[in-house]
Amino acid sequence: MTEKYFSKAAKSLLLVSSLVVVPSVTACAGDDSAVQAKIERAMSAAPSDISAEATIVDADGTVLREGSNGWTCIPGVPLIPGDEHPMCNDAVWMKWLDAFANGKEFSTDVVGVSYMLQGDALVNNDNPAATDPSDGGMWVQDGPHLMMLFPSLDMIADLPRDPYVGGPYVMWDNTPMVHVMVPVVPKERK
């Protein structure tokens, strides 16, 4: 793995490890309206035929609702503390999150899919550890989109790395966190 990216990214992924390590914890009956709001936000990340039966997990790993279809929806991206951009992940994406949270290698034999139909935060397309949009990097903020993981980097070799050319593009190329972004609405350069 690329130590430069992995060590910084691993620090920001500490919350993600609890998503896989503590899947049997159920939410406390504390503030039901706050829990319901998180569930509704998490469900908004994917089409209802996916999110209606998905397990809903808070960013800290607390299971807010058990599901039955193998999908996991989260009310905010666990990579970004306090984030409220929901995502719904298949088992491959959950394995990807776990691998990077726990410093393990990731590989898959099948395509992985994650939905973020409410959009995403502003991120650097080249460096997952970047935090300063004035650093001169290629910053992008996607609206509704899907993210995909592939068994081989050869499968994405011909996709653009520029998020502004239209259509699918590669994010975080040359890092262990490389994946394909599939925007479903046009975007403007930030």
N, C-alpha and C. Protein backbone atom coordinates (compact mmCIF):
# COMPACT_ATOMS: atom_id res chain seq x y z
N MET A 1 0.83 -1.19 0.00
CA MET A 1 0.00 0.00 0.00
C MET A 1 0.86 1.24 0.00
N THR A 2 0.31 2.30 -0.49
CA THR A 2 1.01 3.56 -0.50
C THR A 2 0.96 4.15 0.90
N GLU A 3 2.05 4.07 1.63
CA GLU A 3 2.11 4.49 3.03
C GLU A 3 1.69 5.94 3.21
N LYS A 4 2.10 6.80 2.27
CA LYS A 4 1.79 8.23 2.35
C LYS A 4 0.28 8.44 2.47
N TYR A 5 -0.49 7.76 1.66
CA TYR A 5 -1.94 7.94 1.68
C TYR A 5 -2.58 7.08 2.77
N PHE A 6 -2.10 5.87 2.93
CA PHE A 6 -2.74 4.97 3.87
C PHE A 6 -2.64 5.46 5.30
N SER A 7 -1.48 5.92 5.73
CA SER A 7 -1.34 6.33 7.12
C SER A 7 -2.26 7.50 7.46
N LYS A 8 -2.38 8.47 6.58
CA LYS A 8 -3.29 9.59 6.83
C LYS A 8 -4.74 9.14 6.74
N ALA A 9 -5.03 8.34 5.73
CA ALA A 9 -6.40 7.87 5.56
C ALA A 9 -6.81 6.96 6.71
N ALA A 10 -5.90 6.14 7.20
CA ALA A 10 -6.23 5.23 8.29
C ALA A 10 -6.66 6.00 9.53
N LYS A 11 -6.02 7.13 9.79
CA LYS A 11 -6.40 7.94 10.95
C LYS A 11 -7.84 8.43 10.82
N SER A 12 -8.22 8.82 9.61
CA SER A 12 -9.58 9.33 9.44
C SER A 12 -10.60 8.21 9.35
N LEU A 13 -10.15 6.99 9.23
CA LEU A 13 -11.06 5.85 9.10
C LEU A 13 -11.31 5.12 10.42
N LEU A 14 -10.82 5.63 11.53
CA LEU A 14 -11.00 4.94 12.80
C LEU A 14 -12.46 4.67 13.10
N LEU A 15 -13.33 5.60 12.78
CA LEU A 15 -14.75 5.39 13.02
C LEU A 15 -15.31 4.26 12.18
N VAL A 16 -14.76 4.06 10.98
CA VAL A 16 -15.28 3.05 10.08
C VAL A 16 -15.11 1.65 10.66
N SER A 17 -14.03 1.41 11.40
CA SER A 17 -13.80 0.07 11.93
C SER A 17 -14.95 -0.40 12.80
N SER A 18 -15.58 0.51 13.48
CA SER A 18 -16.70 0.11 14.33
C SER A 18 -17.91 -0.29 13.53
N LEU A 19 -17.99 0.10 12.26
CA LEU A 19 -19.12 -0.30 11.43
C LEU A 19 -19.15 -1.80 11.21
N VAL A 20 -17.98 -2.41 11.16
CA VAL A 20 -17.91 -3.84 10.90
C VAL A 20 -17.68 -4.61 12.19
N VAL A 21 -16.95 -4.03 13.13
CA VAL A 21 -16.61 -4.72 14.37
C VAL A 21 -17.78 -4.79 15.33
N VAL A 22 -18.69 -3.81 15.33
CA VAL A 22 -19.77 -3.75 16.31
C VAL A 22 -21.15 -3.79 15.62
N PRO A 23 -21.38 -4.73 14.68
CA PRO A 23 -22.64 -4.69 13.96
C PRO A 23 -23.84 -5.16 14.76
N SER A 24 -23.65 -5.75 15.94
CA SER A 24 -24.80 -6.27 16.67
C SER A 24 -25.33 -5.31 17.74
N VAL A 25 -24.68 -4.17 17.93
CA VAL A 25 -25.15 -3.21 18.91
C VAL A 25 -26.38 -2.50 18.35
N THR A 26 -27.41 -2.36 19.14
CA THR A 26 -28.63 -1.68 18.70
C THR A 26 -28.73 -0.33 19.38
N ALA A 27 -29.32 0.62 18.68
CA ALA A 27 -29.45 1.98 19.20
C ALA A 27 -30.22 2.00 20.51
N CYS A 28 -29.82 2.89 21.39
CA CYS A 28 -30.53 3.08 22.65
C CYS A 28 -31.84 3.79 22.39
N ALA A 29 -32.78 3.64 23.27
CA ALA A 29 -34.09 4.24 23.10
C ALA A 29 -34.09 5.72 23.44
N GLY A 30 -32.92 6.32 23.62
CA GLY A 30 -32.77 7.73 23.97
C GLY A 30 -33.70 8.65 23.21
N ASP A 31 -33.20 9.34 22.25
CA ASP A 31 -33.97 10.31 21.49
C ASP A 31 -34.46 9.65 20.21
N ASP A 32 -35.70 9.14 20.24
CA ASP A 32 -36.27 8.43 19.10
C ASP A 32 -36.35 9.30 17.85
N SER A 33 -36.63 10.59 18.00
CA SER A 33 -36.75 11.45 16.82
C SER A 33 -35.39 11.65 16.16
N ALA A 34 -34.32 11.74 16.93
CA ALA A 34 -32.98 11.89 16.35
C ALA A 34 -32.57 10.60 15.64
N VAL A 35 -32.90 9.47 16.22
CA VAL A 35 -32.59 8.18 15.59
C VAL A 35 -33.39 8.05 14.30
N GLN A 36 -34.67 8.39 14.35
CA GLN A 36 -35.51 8.30 13.16
C GLN A 36 -34.99 9.22 12.06
N ALA A 37 -34.53 10.41 12.40
CA ALA A 37 -33.98 11.33 11.41
C ALA A 37 -32.73 10.74 10.75
N LYS A 38 -31.88 10.08 11.54
CA LYS A 38 -30.69 9.44 10.98
C LYS A 38 -31.08 8.30 10.05
N ILE A 39 -32.06 7.51 10.46
CA ILE A 39 -32.53 6.40 9.62
C ILE A 39 -33.06 6.94 8.29
N GLU A 40 -33.88 7.96 8.35
CA GLU A 40 -34.44 8.54 7.13
C GLU A 40 -33.35 9.12 6.23
N ARG A 41 -32.36 9.81 6.82
CA ARG A 41 -31.27 10.36 6.04
C ARG A 41 -30.47 9.23 5.39
N ALA A 42 -30.16 8.18 6.15
CA ALA A 42 -29.41 7.05 5.61
C ALA A 42 -30.16 6.40 4.45
N MET A 43 -31.46 6.24 4.63
CA MET A 43 -32.27 5.59 3.58
C MET A 43 -32.34 6.42 2.31
N SER A 44 -32.15 7.74 2.41
CA SER A 44 -32.23 8.60 1.23
C SER A 44 -31.04 8.44 0.30
N ALA A 45 -30.03 7.69 0.71
CA ALA A 45 -28.82 7.53 -0.10
C ALA A 45 -29.03 6.62 -1.30
N ALA A 46 -30.03 5.74 -1.25
CA ALA A 46 -30.22 4.75 -2.31
C ALA A 46 -31.69 4.65 -2.69
N PRO A 47 -31.98 4.03 -3.83
CA PRO A 47 -33.38 3.80 -4.18
C PRO A 47 -34.08 3.01 -3.08
N SER A 48 -35.37 3.26 -2.90
CA SER A 48 -36.11 2.64 -1.80
C SER A 48 -36.14 1.13 -1.87
N ASP A 49 -36.02 0.54 -3.06
CA ASP A 49 -36.01 -0.92 -3.13
C ASP A 49 -34.73 -1.51 -2.53
N ILE A 50 -33.73 -0.68 -2.30
CA ILE A 50 -32.51 -1.09 -1.59
C ILE A 50 -32.59 -0.67 -0.13
N SER A 51 -32.87 0.62 0.11
CA SER A 51 -32.78 1.15 1.47
C SER A 51 -33.90 0.68 2.40
N ALA A 52 -35.04 0.29 1.86
CA ALA A 52 -36.17 -0.13 2.71
C ALA A 52 -35.84 -1.36 3.54
N GLU A 53 -34.98 -2.23 3.03
CA GLU A 53 -34.63 -3.46 3.75
C GLU A 53 -33.15 -3.49 4.17
N ALA A 54 -32.46 -2.36 4.05
CA ALA A 54 -31.04 -2.30 4.41
C ALA A 54 -30.86 -2.16 5.91
N THR A 55 -29.73 -2.62 6.40
CA THR A 55 -29.34 -2.36 7.78
C THR A 55 -28.90 -0.90 7.84
N ILE A 56 -29.34 -0.18 8.85
CA ILE A 56 -28.95 1.22 9.02
C ILE A 56 -27.97 1.28 10.19
N VAL A 57 -26.78 1.82 9.93
CA VAL A 57 -25.71 1.87 10.92
C VAL A 57 -25.25 3.32 11.05
N ASP A 58 -25.18 3.82 12.27
CA ASP A 58 -24.68 5.17 12.51
C ASP A 58 -23.17 5.18 12.26
N ALA A 59 -22.60 6.36 12.08
CA ALA A 59 -21.18 6.49 11.80
C ALA A 59 -20.30 5.92 12.91
N ASP A 60 -20.82 5.84 14.14
CA ASP A 60 -20.05 5.28 15.25
C ASP A 60 -20.19 3.76 15.36
N GLY A 61 -20.95 3.15 14.45
CA GLY A 61 -21.11 1.70 14.45
C GLY A 61 -22.39 1.20 15.09
N THR A 62 -23.15 2.07 15.72
CA THR A 62 -24.40 1.67 16.35
C THR A 62 -25.41 1.26 15.29
N VAL A 63 -25.97 0.08 15.42
CA VAL A 63 -27.00 -0.37 14.50
C VAL A 63 -28.30 0.33 14.90
N LEU A 64 -28.82 1.14 13.98
CA LEU A 64 -30.06 1.86 14.24
C LEU A 64 -31.27 1.05 13.83
N ARG A 65 -31.08 0.16 12.83
CA ARG A 65 -32.16 -0.72 12.39
C ARG A 65 -31.54 -1.91 11.68
N GLU A 66 -31.97 -3.09 12.06
CA GLU A 66 -31.51 -4.30 11.38
C GLU A 66 -32.17 -4.40 10.02
N GLY A 67 -31.45 -4.94 9.06
CA GLY A 67 -31.99 -5.12 7.71
C GLY A 67 -31.90 -6.57 7.28
N SER A 68 -32.33 -6.83 6.05
CA SER A 68 -32.37 -8.22 5.59
C SER A 68 -31.86 -8.43 4.17
N ASN A 69 -31.37 -7.38 3.50
CA ASN A 69 -31.00 -7.56 2.10
C ASN A 69 -29.50 -7.48 1.81
N GLY A 70 -28.66 -7.40 2.82
CA GLY A 70 -27.22 -7.36 2.61
C GLY A 70 -26.63 -5.97 2.37
N TRP A 71 -27.47 -4.95 2.27
CA TRP A 71 -27.00 -3.58 2.11
C TRP A 71 -26.89 -2.90 3.47
N THR A 72 -25.97 -1.96 3.59
CA THR A 72 -25.79 -1.18 4.82
C THR A 72 -25.82 0.30 4.46
N CYS A 73 -26.73 1.04 5.07
CA CYS A 73 -26.84 2.48 4.83
C CYS A 73 -26.38 3.23 6.08
N ILE A 74 -25.68 4.34 5.85
CA ILE A 74 -25.08 5.14 6.91
C ILE A 74 -25.53 6.59 6.72
N PRO A 75 -25.92 7.29 7.79
CA PRO A 75 -26.43 8.65 7.63
C PRO A 75 -25.39 9.71 7.27
N GLY A 76 -24.12 9.37 7.31
CA GLY A 76 -23.04 10.27 6.93
C GLY A 76 -21.80 9.47 6.62
N VAL A 77 -20.92 10.01 5.80
CA VAL A 77 -19.69 9.30 5.42
C VAL A 77 -18.81 9.16 6.65
N PRO A 78 -18.51 7.94 7.07
CA PRO A 78 -17.70 7.75 8.28
C PRO A 78 -16.27 8.27 8.15
N LEU A 79 -15.82 8.54 6.92
CA LEU A 79 -14.48 9.08 6.71
C LEU A 79 -14.35 10.52 7.20
N ILE A 80 -15.50 11.20 7.31
CA ILE A 80 -15.49 12.62 7.64
C ILE A 80 -16.33 12.83 8.90
N PRO A 81 -15.70 13.03 10.06
CA PRO A 81 -16.47 13.22 11.29
C PRO A 81 -17.52 14.32 11.16
N GLY A 82 -18.74 14.02 11.56
CA GLY A 82 -19.83 14.98 11.50
C GLY A 82 -20.49 15.10 10.14
N ASP A 83 -20.02 14.35 9.16
CA ASP A 83 -20.58 14.43 7.81
C ASP A 83 -22.02 13.94 7.79
N GLU A 84 -22.85 14.57 6.96
CA GLU A 84 -24.25 14.17 6.84
C GLU A 84 -24.62 13.82 5.41
N HIS A 85 -23.65 13.35 4.62
CA HIS A 85 -23.92 12.88 3.26
C HIS A 85 -24.10 11.36 3.35
N PRO A 86 -25.34 10.88 3.25
CA PRO A 86 -25.59 9.46 3.47
C PRO A 86 -25.06 8.59 2.33
N MET A 87 -24.79 7.33 2.69
CA MET A 87 -24.34 6.35 1.70
C MET A 87 -24.96 5.00 2.01
N CYS A 88 -25.20 4.20 0.96
CA CYS A 88 -25.66 2.81 1.10
C CYS A 88 -24.65 1.93 0.37
N ASN A 89 -24.11 0.96 1.09
CA ASN A 89 -23.03 0.13 0.57
C ASN A 89 -23.42 -1.33 0.47
N ASP A 90 -22.95 -1.99 -0.60
CA ASP A 90 -23.09 -3.43 -0.67
C ASP A 90 -21.98 -4.06 0.19
N ALA A 91 -21.94 -5.37 0.25
CA ALA A 91 -20.96 -6.06 1.10
C ALA A 91 -19.53 -5.77 0.67
N VAL A 92 -19.29 -5.58 -0.62
CA VAL A 92 -17.93 -5.30 -1.10
C VAL A 92 -17.45 -3.95 -0.56
N TRP A 93 -18.32 -2.94 -0.61
CA TRP A 93 -17.93 -1.63 -0.08
C TRP A 93 -17.73 -1.67 1.43
N MET A 94 -18.51 -2.45 2.13
CA MET A 94 -18.30 -2.57 3.58
C MET A 94 -16.96 -3.25 3.87
N LYS A 95 -16.60 -4.22 3.03
CA LYS A 95 -15.30 -4.88 3.16
C LYS A 95 -14.17 -3.87 2.88
N TRP A 96 -14.37 -3.01 1.89
CA TRP A 96 -13.40 -1.98 1.54
C TRP A 96 -13.20 -1.02 2.72
N LEU A 97 -14.32 -0.55 3.31
CA LEU A 97 -14.23 0.34 4.47
C LEU A 97 -13.49 -0.32 5.63
N ASP A 98 -13.82 -1.57 5.89
CA ASP A 98 -13.18 -2.31 6.97
C ASP A 98 -11.68 -2.49 6.72
N ALA A 99 -11.31 -2.81 5.48
CA ALA A 99 -9.90 -3.02 5.16
C ALA A 99 -9.08 -1.77 5.47
N PHE A 100 -9.56 -0.63 5.05
CA PHE A 100 -8.78 0.58 5.26
C PHE A 100 -8.84 1.07 6.69
N ALA A 101 -9.91 0.80 7.37
CA ALA A 101 -10.00 1.19 8.78
C ALA A 101 -9.04 0.37 9.64
N ASN A 102 -8.79 -0.86 9.20
CA ASN A 102 -7.98 -1.76 10.01
C ASN A 102 -6.61 -2.06 9.41
N GLY A 103 -6.20 -1.30 8.40
CA GLY A 103 -4.87 -1.46 7.83
C GLY A 103 -4.65 -2.75 7.09
N LYS A 104 -5.71 -3.28 6.49
CA LYS A 104 -5.60 -4.54 5.76
C LYS A 104 -5.62 -4.27 4.25
N GLU A 105 -5.08 -5.19 3.50
CA GLU A 105 -5.16 -5.12 2.04
C GLU A 105 -6.60 -5.38 1.63
N PHE A 106 -7.00 -4.77 0.52
CA PHE A 106 -8.34 -5.00 -0.02
C PHE A 106 -8.24 -5.60 -1.40
N SER A 107 -9.09 -6.58 -1.66
CA SER A 107 -9.24 -7.11 -3.01
C SER A 107 -10.66 -7.66 -3.12
N THR A 108 -11.13 -7.74 -4.33
CA THR A 108 -12.46 -8.29 -4.57
C THR A 108 -12.46 -9.03 -5.90
N ASP A 109 -13.31 -10.04 -5.99
CA ASP A 109 -13.50 -10.78 -7.24
C ASP A 109 -14.73 -10.31 -7.98
N VAL A 110 -15.49 -9.42 -7.36
CA VAL A 110 -16.73 -8.92 -7.96
C VAL A 110 -16.77 -7.39 -7.87
N VAL A 111 -17.63 -6.79 -8.66
CA VAL A 111 -17.82 -5.35 -8.63
C VAL A 111 -18.55 -4.97 -7.35
N GLY A 112 -18.14 -3.88 -6.72
CA GLY A 112 -18.80 -3.34 -5.53
C GLY A 112 -19.52 -2.04 -5.86
N VAL A 113 -20.67 -1.81 -5.21
CA VAL A 113 -21.48 -0.62 -5.50
C VAL A 113 -21.84 0.10 -4.21
N SER A 114 -21.74 1.43 -4.25
CA SER A 114 -22.18 2.29 -3.17
C SER A 114 -23.01 3.40 -3.77
N TYR A 115 -24.16 3.70 -3.15
CA TYR A 115 -25.02 4.80 -3.60
C TYR A 115 -24.81 6.00 -2.68
N MET A 116 -24.77 7.19 -3.29
CA MET A 116 -24.77 8.45 -2.56
C MET A 116 -25.69 9.41 -3.32
N LEU A 117 -26.98 9.13 -3.29
CA LEU A 117 -27.94 9.90 -4.08
C LEU A 117 -28.24 11.28 -3.51
N GLN A 118 -27.71 11.60 -2.33
CA GLN A 118 -27.84 12.94 -1.77
C GLN A 118 -26.57 13.76 -1.96
N GLY A 119 -25.62 13.23 -2.70
CA GLY A 119 -24.39 13.95 -2.97
C GLY A 119 -23.31 13.69 -1.94
N ASP A 120 -22.22 14.42 -2.08
CA ASP A 120 -21.02 14.17 -1.28
C ASP A 120 -20.38 15.50 -0.87
N ALA A 121 -19.44 15.41 0.03
CA ALA A 121 -18.68 16.57 0.48
C ALA A 121 -17.66 16.97 -0.59
N LEU A 122 -17.11 18.15 -0.47
CA LEU A 122 -16.03 18.61 -1.33
C LEU A 122 -14.77 17.83 -0.97
N VAL A 123 -14.17 17.13 -1.95
CA VAL A 123 -12.97 16.33 -1.71
C VAL A 123 -11.95 16.56 -2.82
N ASN A 124 -10.73 16.25 -2.52
CA ASN A 124 -9.65 16.31 -3.49
C ASN A 124 -9.69 15.01 -4.29
N ASN A 125 -9.80 15.10 -5.60
CA ASN A 125 -9.94 13.91 -6.44
C ASN A 125 -8.67 13.06 -6.49
N ASP A 126 -7.53 13.63 -6.17
CA ASP A 126 -6.27 12.89 -6.26
C ASP A 126 -5.76 12.38 -4.93
N ASN A 127 -6.10 13.07 -3.84
CA ASN A 127 -5.50 12.77 -2.55
C ASN A 127 -6.58 12.65 -1.47
N PRO A 128 -6.88 11.44 -1.00
CA PRO A 128 -7.92 11.27 0.01
C PRO A 128 -7.60 11.91 1.35
N ALA A 129 -6.34 12.24 1.59
CA ALA A 129 -5.94 12.83 2.87
C ALA A 129 -5.95 14.35 2.84
N ALA A 130 -6.18 14.96 1.67
CA ALA A 130 -6.15 16.42 1.55
C ALA A 130 -7.33 17.04 2.29
N THR A 131 -7.08 18.16 2.95
CA THR A 131 -8.13 18.85 3.71
C THR A 131 -8.28 20.32 3.37
N ASP A 132 -7.38 20.85 2.54
CA ASP A 132 -7.40 22.29 2.25
C ASP A 132 -7.72 22.54 0.77
N PRO A 133 -8.95 22.99 0.46
CA PRO A 133 -9.31 23.23 -0.93
C PRO A 133 -8.48 24.30 -1.63
N SER A 134 -7.71 25.07 -0.90
CA SER A 134 -6.86 26.08 -1.54
C SER A 134 -5.48 25.53 -1.86
N ASP A 135 -5.28 24.22 -1.73
CA ASP A 135 -3.96 23.63 -1.96
C ASP A 135 -3.60 23.48 -3.43
N GLY A 136 -4.53 23.85 -4.32
CA GLY A 136 -4.25 23.77 -5.74
C GLY A 136 -4.57 22.42 -6.37
N GLY A 137 -5.05 21.47 -5.60
CA GLY A 137 -5.40 20.17 -6.14
C GLY A 137 -6.71 20.21 -6.93
N MET A 138 -7.10 19.07 -7.46
CA MET A 138 -8.35 18.94 -8.22
C MET A 138 -9.47 18.61 -7.23
N TRP A 139 -10.22 19.63 -6.82
CA TRP A 139 -11.30 19.46 -5.86
C TRP A 139 -12.62 19.30 -6.59
N VAL A 140 -13.49 18.43 -6.05
CA VAL A 140 -14.76 18.14 -6.69
C VAL A 140 -15.82 17.87 -5.63
N GLN A 141 -17.03 18.29 -5.92
CA GLN A 141 -18.16 17.98 -5.06
C GLN A 141 -19.27 17.45 -5.95
N ASP A 142 -19.49 16.15 -5.86
CA ASP A 142 -20.51 15.52 -6.69
C ASP A 142 -21.88 15.62 -6.04
N GLY A 143 -22.87 15.78 -6.89
CA GLY A 143 -24.25 15.63 -6.46
C GLY A 143 -24.56 14.14 -6.40
N PRO A 144 -25.77 13.74 -6.70
CA PRO A 144 -26.12 12.32 -6.67
C PRO A 144 -25.16 11.49 -7.54
N HIS A 145 -24.69 10.39 -6.98
CA HIS A 145 -23.76 9.54 -7.72
C HIS A 145 -23.72 8.13 -7.13
N LEU A 146 -23.10 7.24 -7.88
CA LEU A 146 -22.75 5.91 -7.42
C LEU A 146 -21.23 5.84 -7.36
N MET A 147 -20.72 4.92 -6.56
CA MET A 147 -19.29 4.65 -6.53
C MET A 147 -19.12 3.15 -6.77
N MET A 148 -18.08 2.81 -7.50
CA MET A 148 -17.87 1.40 -7.85
C MET A 148 -16.43 0.98 -7.60
N LEU A 149 -16.29 -0.26 -7.15
CA LEU A 149 -15.00 -0.90 -6.97
C LEU A 149 -14.91 -2.04 -7.99
N PHE A 150 -13.72 -2.28 -8.51
CA PHE A 150 -13.54 -3.30 -9.53
C PHE A 150 -12.46 -4.29 -9.13
N PRO A 151 -12.58 -5.54 -9.59
CA PRO A 151 -11.58 -6.57 -9.24
C PRO A 151 -10.19 -6.27 -9.76
N SER A 152 -10.09 -5.49 -10.84
CA SER A 152 -8.78 -5.22 -11.44
C SER A 152 -8.69 -3.76 -11.85
N LEU A 153 -7.55 -3.15 -11.58
CA LEU A 153 -7.33 -1.77 -12.01
C LEU A 153 -7.28 -1.67 -13.53
N ASP A 154 -6.97 -2.78 -14.20
CA ASP A 154 -6.99 -2.78 -15.67
C ASP A 154 -8.38 -2.44 -16.20
N MET A 155 -9.41 -2.78 -15.43
CA MET A 155 -10.78 -2.54 -15.87
C MET A 155 -11.12 -1.04 -15.90
N ILE A 156 -10.37 -0.23 -15.19
CA ILE A 156 -10.66 1.21 -15.14
C ILE A 156 -9.55 2.05 -15.78
N ALA A 157 -8.60 1.39 -16.41
CA ALA A 157 -7.43 2.08 -16.96
C ALA A 157 -7.79 3.17 -17.97
N ASP A 158 -8.84 2.98 -18.75
CA ASP A 158 -9.18 3.95 -19.79
C ASP A 158 -10.17 5.01 -19.34
N LEU A 159 -10.60 4.98 -18.09
CA LEU A 159 -11.51 6.01 -17.60
C LEU A 159 -10.74 7.29 -17.29
N PRO A 160 -11.37 8.45 -17.46
CA PRO A 160 -10.68 9.71 -17.15
C PRO A 160 -10.43 9.85 -15.65
N ARG A 161 -9.43 10.64 -15.33
CA ARG A 161 -9.13 10.99 -13.93
C ARG A 161 -9.66 12.39 -13.62
N ASP A 162 -10.11 13.09 -14.63
CA ASP A 162 -10.65 14.44 -14.50
C ASP A 162 -12.16 14.35 -14.23
N PRO A 163 -12.63 14.79 -13.07
CA PRO A 163 -14.05 14.68 -12.74
C PRO A 163 -14.96 15.60 -13.56
N TYR A 164 -14.37 16.51 -14.33
CA TYR A 164 -15.17 17.50 -15.04
C TYR A 164 -15.34 17.22 -16.53
N VAL A 165 -14.90 16.08 -17.01
CA VAL A 165 -15.04 15.78 -18.44
C VAL A 165 -16.41 15.16 -18.76
N GLY A 166 -17.17 14.81 -17.74
CA GLY A 166 -18.49 14.19 -17.93
C GLY A 166 -18.42 12.68 -17.86
N GLY A 167 -19.41 12.10 -17.23
CA GLY A 167 -19.47 10.64 -17.11
C GLY A 167 -18.63 10.10 -15.97
N PRO A 168 -18.49 8.78 -15.92
CA PRO A 168 -17.70 8.14 -14.86
C PRO A 168 -16.24 8.58 -14.91
N TYR A 169 -15.61 8.63 -13.73
CA TYR A 169 -14.20 8.99 -13.65
C TYR A 169 -13.58 8.30 -12.44
N VAL A 170 -12.26 8.23 -12.43
CA VAL A 170 -11.53 7.58 -11.35
C VAL A 170 -11.19 8.60 -10.27
N MET A 171 -11.50 8.26 -9.03
CA MET A 171 -11.15 9.07 -7.88
C MET A 171 -10.06 8.35 -7.09
N TRP A 172 -9.13 9.11 -6.58
CA TRP A 172 -8.04 8.66 -5.73
C TRP A 172 -7.16 7.59 -6.40
N ASP A 173 -6.92 7.84 -7.70
CA ASP A 173 -6.03 6.95 -8.46
C ASP A 173 -4.65 6.91 -7.79
N ASN A 174 -3.97 5.82 -7.95
CA ASN A 174 -2.62 5.61 -7.39
C ASN A 174 -2.60 5.65 -5.88
N THR A 175 -3.74 5.37 -5.25
CA THR A 175 -3.81 5.20 -3.79
C THR A 175 -4.54 3.88 -3.53
N PRO A 176 -4.45 3.36 -2.33
CA PRO A 176 -5.18 2.13 -2.01
C PRO A 176 -6.70 2.34 -2.00
N MET A 177 -7.15 3.58 -2.05
CA MET A 177 -8.58 3.88 -1.95
C MET A 177 -9.21 4.18 -3.31
N VAL A 178 -8.55 3.83 -4.39
CA VAL A 178 -9.03 4.11 -5.74
C VAL A 178 -10.41 3.49 -5.97
N HIS A 179 -11.28 4.27 -6.63
CA HIS A 179 -12.60 3.78 -7.00
C HIS A 179 -13.13 4.63 -8.15
N VAL A 180 -14.25 4.20 -8.71
CA VAL A 180 -14.87 4.91 -9.83
C VAL A 180 -16.10 5.66 -9.33
N MET A 181 -16.19 6.92 -9.71
CA MET A 181 -17.35 7.75 -9.42
C MET A 181 -18.24 7.76 -10.66
N VAL A 182 -19.56 7.61 -10.43
CA VAL A 182 -20.52 7.63 -11.54
C VAL A 182 -21.57 8.69 -11.22
N PRO A 183 -21.34 9.94 -11.62
CA PRO A 183 -22.31 11.00 -11.36
C PRO A 183 -23.60 10.75 -12.15
N VAL A 184 -24.73 11.14 -11.55
CA VAL A 184 -26.00 10.98 -12.27
C VAL A 184 -26.63 12.33 -12.61
N VAL A 185 -25.97 13.42 -12.25
CA VAL A 185 -26.37 14.77 -12.66
C VAL A 185 -25.10 15.54 -13.04
N PRO A 186 -25.23 16.56 -13.89
CA PRO A 186 -24.04 17.36 -14.24
C PRO A 186 -23.53 18.15 -13.04
N LYS A 187 -22.29 18.53 -13.09
CA LYS A 187 -21.70 19.35 -12.01
C LYS A 187 -20.91 20.49 -12.62
N GLU A 188 -20.71 21.51 -11.79
CA GLU A 188 -19.90 22.66 -12.20
C GLU A 188 -18.56 22.60 -11.50
N ARG A 189 -17.55 23.10 -12.16
CA ARG A 189 -16.19 23.14 -11.59
C ARG A 189 -16.19 24.02 -10.36
N LYS A 190 -15.60 23.55 -9.27
CA LYS A 190 -15.49 24.31 -8.01
C LYS A 190 -14.26 25.16 -8.01
